[in-house]
Amino acid sequence: MNIPYEWKHPVEYMDIKYAYPDFHSFVTSSGELNVDWFTVEKSNTNNVFKQ
């Protein structure tokens, strides 16, 4: 996956859909919805690495 911005990776063994809940709708809409799914504000902070 190529994300042109700095983002927080999901914790080890965590499915991306639990770290970034809007990711699924971004993919299923072919990128039309939730284009900012990868931002910290949209993440589930318990499921991403804290830097």
N, C-alpha and C. Protein backbone atom coordinates (compact mmCIF):
# COMPACT_ATOMS: atom_id res chain seq x y z
N MET A 1 0.85 -1.16 0.00
CA MET A 1 0.00 0.00 0.00
C MET A 1 0.90 1.23 0.00
N ASN A 2 0.62 2.16 -0.85
CA ASN A 2 1.40 3.39 -0.95
C ASN A 2 0.56 4.55 -0.45
N ILE A 3 0.92 5.07 0.71
CA ILE A 3 0.23 6.22 1.28
C ILE A 3 1.21 7.38 1.25
N PRO A 4 0.90 8.44 0.52
CA PRO A 4 1.87 9.52 0.33
C PRO A 4 2.03 10.45 1.54
N TYR A 5 1.52 10.06 2.68
CA TYR A 5 1.61 10.86 3.89
C TYR A 5 2.11 9.98 5.01
N GLU A 6 2.62 10.61 6.06
CA GLU A 6 3.02 9.84 7.23
C GLU A 6 1.76 9.38 7.96
N TRP A 7 1.74 8.12 8.34
CA TRP A 7 0.58 7.58 9.04
C TRP A 7 1.05 6.58 10.09
N LYS A 8 0.19 6.22 10.98
CA LYS A 8 0.53 5.26 12.04
C LYS A 8 0.10 3.87 11.60
N HIS A 9 1.03 2.95 11.63
CA HIS A 9 0.74 1.58 11.24
C HIS A 9 -0.13 0.90 12.29
N PRO A 10 -1.00 0.00 11.86
CA PRO A 10 -1.76 -0.80 12.82
C PRO A 10 -0.78 -1.62 13.67
N VAL A 11 -1.16 -1.89 14.90
CA VAL A 11 -0.31 -2.72 15.75
C VAL A 11 -0.19 -4.11 15.13
N GLU A 12 0.81 -4.82 15.54
CA GLU A 12 1.09 -6.14 14.98
C GLU A 12 -0.12 -7.06 15.10
N TYR A 13 -0.41 -7.74 14.02
CA TYR A 13 -1.52 -8.69 13.90
C TYR A 13 -2.91 -8.04 13.92
N MET A 14 -2.96 -6.71 13.82
CA MET A 14 -4.23 -6.00 13.83
C MET A 14 -4.68 -5.79 12.39
N ASP A 15 -5.90 -6.19 12.08
CA ASP A 15 -6.47 -5.95 10.76
C ASP A 15 -6.66 -4.44 10.58
N ILE A 16 -6.33 -3.94 9.40
CA ILE A 16 -6.41 -2.50 9.14
C ILE A 16 -7.82 -1.95 9.36
N LYS A 17 -8.82 -2.76 9.15
CA LYS A 17 -10.20 -2.27 9.33
C LYS A 17 -10.51 -1.93 10.78
N TYR A 18 -9.76 -2.51 11.72
CA TYR A 18 -9.96 -2.17 13.14
C TYR A 18 -9.12 -0.98 13.55
N ALA A 19 -8.04 -0.74 12.86
CA ALA A 19 -7.21 0.43 13.15
C ALA A 19 -7.75 1.68 12.47
N TYR A 20 -8.29 1.48 11.26
CA TYR A 20 -8.86 2.59 10.48
C TYR A 20 -10.24 2.17 9.97
N PRO A 21 -11.27 2.43 10.76
CA PRO A 21 -12.62 1.98 10.41
C PRO A 21 -13.15 2.48 9.07
N ASP A 22 -12.68 3.63 8.59
CA ASP A 22 -13.17 4.18 7.32
C ASP A 22 -12.49 3.57 6.11
N PHE A 23 -11.49 2.73 6.31
CA PHE A 23 -10.76 2.14 5.20
C PHE A 23 -11.67 1.30 4.31
N HIS A 24 -12.53 0.52 4.89
CA HIS A 24 -13.41 -0.35 4.11
C HIS A 24 -14.29 0.45 3.14
N SER A 25 -14.91 1.50 3.62
CA SER A 25 -15.77 2.28 2.72
C SER A 25 -14.96 3.02 1.67
N PHE A 26 -13.73 3.39 1.98
CA PHE A 26 -12.85 4.00 0.99
C PHE A 26 -12.58 3.02 -0.15
N VAL A 27 -12.26 1.79 0.20
CA VAL A 27 -11.94 0.78 -0.82
C VAL A 27 -13.18 0.40 -1.61
N THR A 28 -14.27 0.14 -0.94
CA THR A 28 -15.48 -0.31 -1.65
C THR A 28 -16.11 0.78 -2.50
N SER A 29 -15.77 2.04 -2.22
CA SER A 29 -16.29 3.14 -3.04
C SER A 29 -15.29 3.55 -4.13
N SER A 30 -14.26 2.75 -4.32
CA SER A 30 -13.20 3.05 -5.31
C SER A 30 -12.54 4.41 -5.03
N GLY A 31 -12.41 4.74 -3.76
CA GLY A 31 -11.73 5.96 -3.37
C GLY A 31 -12.58 7.22 -3.39
N GLU A 32 -13.88 7.06 -3.58
CA GLU A 32 -14.77 8.22 -3.62
C GLU A 32 -15.13 8.73 -2.22
N LEU A 33 -15.23 7.84 -1.25
CA LEU A 33 -15.61 8.21 0.12
C LEU A 33 -14.42 8.09 1.06
N ASN A 34 -14.47 8.85 2.13
CA ASN A 34 -13.47 8.77 3.20
C ASN A 34 -12.03 8.82 2.69
N VAL A 35 -11.74 9.80 1.87
CA VAL A 35 -10.40 9.92 1.29
C VAL A 35 -9.34 10.23 2.34
N ASP A 36 -9.75 10.60 3.53
CA ASP A 36 -8.81 10.86 4.61
C ASP A 36 -8.83 9.76 5.67
N TRP A 37 -9.14 8.54 5.26
CA TRP A 37 -9.26 7.40 6.18
C TRP A 37 -8.00 7.14 6.99
N PHE A 38 -6.84 7.55 6.52
CA PHE A 38 -5.55 7.23 7.13
C PHE A 38 -5.08 8.26 8.16
N THR A 39 -5.84 9.33 8.37
CA THR A 39 -5.40 10.36 9.31
C THR A 39 -5.53 9.88 10.75
N VAL A 40 -4.75 10.45 11.61
CA VAL A 40 -4.76 10.08 13.03
C VAL A 40 -6.15 10.29 13.62
N GLU A 41 -6.81 11.35 13.19
CA GLU A 41 -8.14 11.66 13.71
C GLU A 41 -9.15 10.57 13.37
N LYS A 42 -8.93 9.87 12.27
CA LYS A 42 -9.85 8.81 11.83
C LYS A 42 -9.45 7.43 12.34
N SER A 43 -8.32 7.34 13.02
CA SER A 43 -7.85 6.03 13.48
C SER A 43 -8.44 5.67 14.84
N ASN A 44 -8.43 4.39 15.12
CA ASN A 44 -8.76 3.91 16.45
C ASN A 44 -7.42 3.86 17.18
N THR A 45 -7.15 4.83 18.01
CA THR A 45 -5.82 5.00 18.58
C THR A 45 -5.36 3.82 19.44
N ASN A 46 -6.27 2.98 19.87
CA ASN A 46 -5.89 1.78 20.62
C ASN A 46 -5.31 0.71 19.71
N ASN A 47 -5.52 0.84 18.41
CA ASN A 47 -5.12 -0.20 17.47
C ASN A 47 -4.00 0.21 16.53
N VAL A 48 -3.38 1.36 16.77
CA VAL A 48 -2.23 1.79 15.96
C VAL A 48 -1.03 2.01 16.87
N PHE A 49 0.18 1.91 16.25
CA PHE A 49 1.39 2.15 17.01
C PHE A 49 1.43 3.60 17.47
N LYS A 50 1.86 3.78 18.69
CA LYS A 50 2.03 5.12 19.22
C LYS A 50 3.50 5.49 19.03
N GLN A 51 3.75 6.63 18.41
CA GLN A 51 5.13 7.04 18.11
C GLN A 51 5.54 8.19 18.96
